[in-house]
Amino acid sequence: MMGPFRHTVDDGLDVRKAAFECMYTLLESSVALLDIFDFLTYVENGLKDSYDIKVSFGKYLFVLAGDDFILLW
């Protein structure tokens, strides 16, 4: 061991990434069937997650801000 360095391993990161990819697929394919306020709760949780998850949420924001989403309101 060299020095007081620590390396933390997030064992659940891949599982969370897969879950959020499933959410993205739902957002693309069947947004009209989603309860959008519940969905946004999970989006908020994703934005509080690790850096890798936050970066992938950029595409959620583009889809949510798109013209198709505005028509649902």
C-alpha atoms as a PDB file:
ATOM      1  CA  MET A   1       0.000   0.000   0.000  1.00  0.00           C
ATOM      2  CA  MET A   2       1.357   3.363  -0.990  1.00  0.00           C
ATOM      3  CA  GLY A   3       0.185   6.166   1.245  1.00  0.00           C
ATOM      4  CA  PRO A   4      -3.174   6.950   2.815  1.00  0.00           C
ATOM      5  CA  PHE A   5      -5.162   6.643  -0.415  1.00  0.00           C
ATOM      6  CA  ARG A   6      -8.498   4.878  -0.585  1.00  0.00           C
ATOM      7  CA  HIS A   7     -10.333   3.619  -3.587  1.00  0.00           C
ATOM      8  CA  THR A   8     -14.059   3.076  -3.176  1.00  0.00           C
ATOM      9  CA  VAL A   9     -15.883   0.707  -5.471  1.00  0.00           C
ATOM     10  CA  ASP A  10     -19.555   1.270  -6.227  1.00  0.00           C
ATOM     11  CA  ASP A  11     -20.856  -2.250  -6.829  1.00  0.00           C
ATOM     12  CA  GLY A  12     -24.370  -1.049  -7.658  1.00  0.00           C
ATOM     13  CA  LEU A  13     -23.393   1.468 -10.323  1.00  0.00           C
ATOM     14  CA  ASP A  14     -23.927  -0.872 -13.288  1.00  0.00           C
ATOM     15  CA  VAL A  15     -27.325  -1.945 -11.983  1.00  0.00           C
ATOM     16  CA  ARG A  16     -28.427   1.662 -11.496  1.00  0.00           C
ATOM     17  CA  LYS A  17     -27.183   2.569 -14.981  1.00  0.00           C
ATOM     18  CA  ALA A  18     -29.239  -0.280 -16.445  1.00  0.00           C
ATOM     19  CA  ALA A  19     -32.328   0.795 -14.507  1.00  0.00           C
ATOM     20  CA  PHE A  20     -31.999   4.371 -15.723  1.00  0.00           C
ATOM     21  CA  GLU A  21     -31.524   3.150 -19.307  1.00  0.00           C
ATOM     22  CA  CYS A  22     -34.824   1.283 -18.936  1.00  0.00           C
ATOM     23  CA  MET A  23     -36.413   4.528 -17.757  1.00  0.00           C
ATOM     24  CA  TYR A  24     -35.056   6.271 -20.844  1.00  0.00           C
ATOM     25  CA  THR A  25     -36.550   3.580 -23.072  1.00  0.00           C
ATOM     26  CA  LEU A  26     -39.923   4.077 -21.388  1.00  0.00           C
ATOM     27  CA  LEU A  27     -39.609   7.809 -21.877  1.00  0.00           C
ATOM     28  CA  GLU A  28     -38.936   7.377 -25.594  1.00  0.00           C
ATOM     29  CA  SER A  29     -41.497   4.687 -26.326  1.00  0.00           C
ATOM     30  CA  SER A  30     -44.514   5.294 -24.098  1.00  0.00           C
ATOM     31  CA  VAL A  31     -44.358   8.708 -22.506  1.00  0.00           C
ATOM     32  CA  ALA A  32     -48.149   9.084 -22.721  1.00  0.00           C
ATOM     33  CA  LEU A  33     -48.613   6.087 -20.413  1.00  0.00           C
ATOM     34  CA  LEU A  34     -46.259   7.375 -17.714  1.00  0.00           C
ATOM     35  CA  ASP A  35     -47.248   9.298 -14.627  1.00  0.00           C
ATOM     36  CA  ILE A  36     -44.805  12.071 -15.399  1.00  0.00           C
ATOM     37  CA  PHE A  37     -44.617  13.430 -11.843  1.00  0.00           C
ATOM     38  CA  ASP A  38     -43.574  10.035 -10.453  1.00  0.00           C
ATOM     39  CA  PHE A  39     -41.118   9.725 -13.323  1.00  0.00           C
ATOM     40  CA  LEU A  40     -39.608  13.117 -12.505  1.00  0.00           C
ATOM     41  CA  THR A  41     -39.075  11.990  -8.910  1.00  0.00           C
ATOM     42  CA  TYR A  42     -36.776   9.256 -10.185  1.00  0.00           C
ATOM     43  CA  VAL A  43     -35.090  11.684 -12.559  1.00  0.00           C
ATOM     44  CA  GLU A  44     -34.381  13.918  -9.564  1.00  0.00           C
ATOM     45  CA  ASN A  45     -32.861  10.965  -7.712  1.00  0.00           C
ATOM     46  CA  GLY A  46     -30.679  10.230 -10.709  1.00  0.00           C
ATOM     47  CA  LEU A  47     -29.392  13.783 -10.757  1.00  0.00           C
ATOM     48  CA  LYS A  48     -28.248  13.316  -7.146  1.00  0.00           C
ATOM     49  CA  ASP A  49     -26.355  10.105  -7.979  1.00  0.00           C
ATOM     50  CA  SER A  50     -22.741   9.596  -9.039  1.00  0.00           C
ATOM     51  CA  TYR A  51     -21.106  11.484 -11.898  1.00  0.00           C
ATOM     52  CA  ASP A  52     -21.655   8.673 -14.441  1.00  0.00           C
ATOM     53  CA  ILE A  53     -25.390   8.669 -13.783  1.00  0.00           C
ATOM     54  CA  LYS A  54     -25.614  12.478 -13.879  1.00  0.00           C
ATOM     55  CA  VAL A  55     -23.958  12.623 -17.289  1.00  0.00           C
ATOM     56  CA  SER A  56     -26.384  10.102 -18.739  1.00  0.00           C
ATOM     57  CA  PHE A  57     -29.301  12.184 -17.473  1.00  0.00           C
ATOM     58  CA  GLY A  58     -28.459  14.939 -19.930  1.00  0.00           C
ATOM     59  CA  LYS A  59     -30.379  13.062 -22.610  1.00  0.00           C
ATOM     60  CA  TYR A  60     -33.429  12.820 -20.329  1.00  0.00           C
ATOM     61  CA  LEU A  61     -33.512  16.556 -20.030  1.00  0.00           C
ATOM     62  CA  PHE A  62     -33.353  16.995 -23.806  1.00  0.00           C
ATOM     63  CA  VAL A  63     -36.249  14.586 -24.311  1.00  0.00           C
ATOM     64  CA  LEU A  64     -38.308  16.172 -21.525  1.00  0.00           C
ATOM     65  CA  ALA A  65     -37.732  19.637 -22.955  1.00  0.00           C
ATOM     66  CA  GLY A  66     -38.627  18.581 -26.505  1.00  0.00           C
ATOM     67  CA  ASP A  67     -41.709  19.543 -28.517  1.00  0.00           C
ATOM     68  CA  ASP A  68     -43.428  16.170 -28.062  1.00  0.00           C
ATOM     69  CA  PHE A  69     -43.408  16.535 -24.303  1.00  0.00           C
ATOM     70  CA  ILE A  70     -44.881  20.024 -24.411  1.00  0.00           C
ATOM     71  CA  LEU A  71     -47.881  18.701 -26.365  1.00  0.00           C
ATOM     72  CA  LEU A  72     -48.789  16.391 -23.470  1.00  0.00           C
ATOM     73  CA  TRP A  73     -49.562  19.288 -21.126  1.00  0.00           C
END
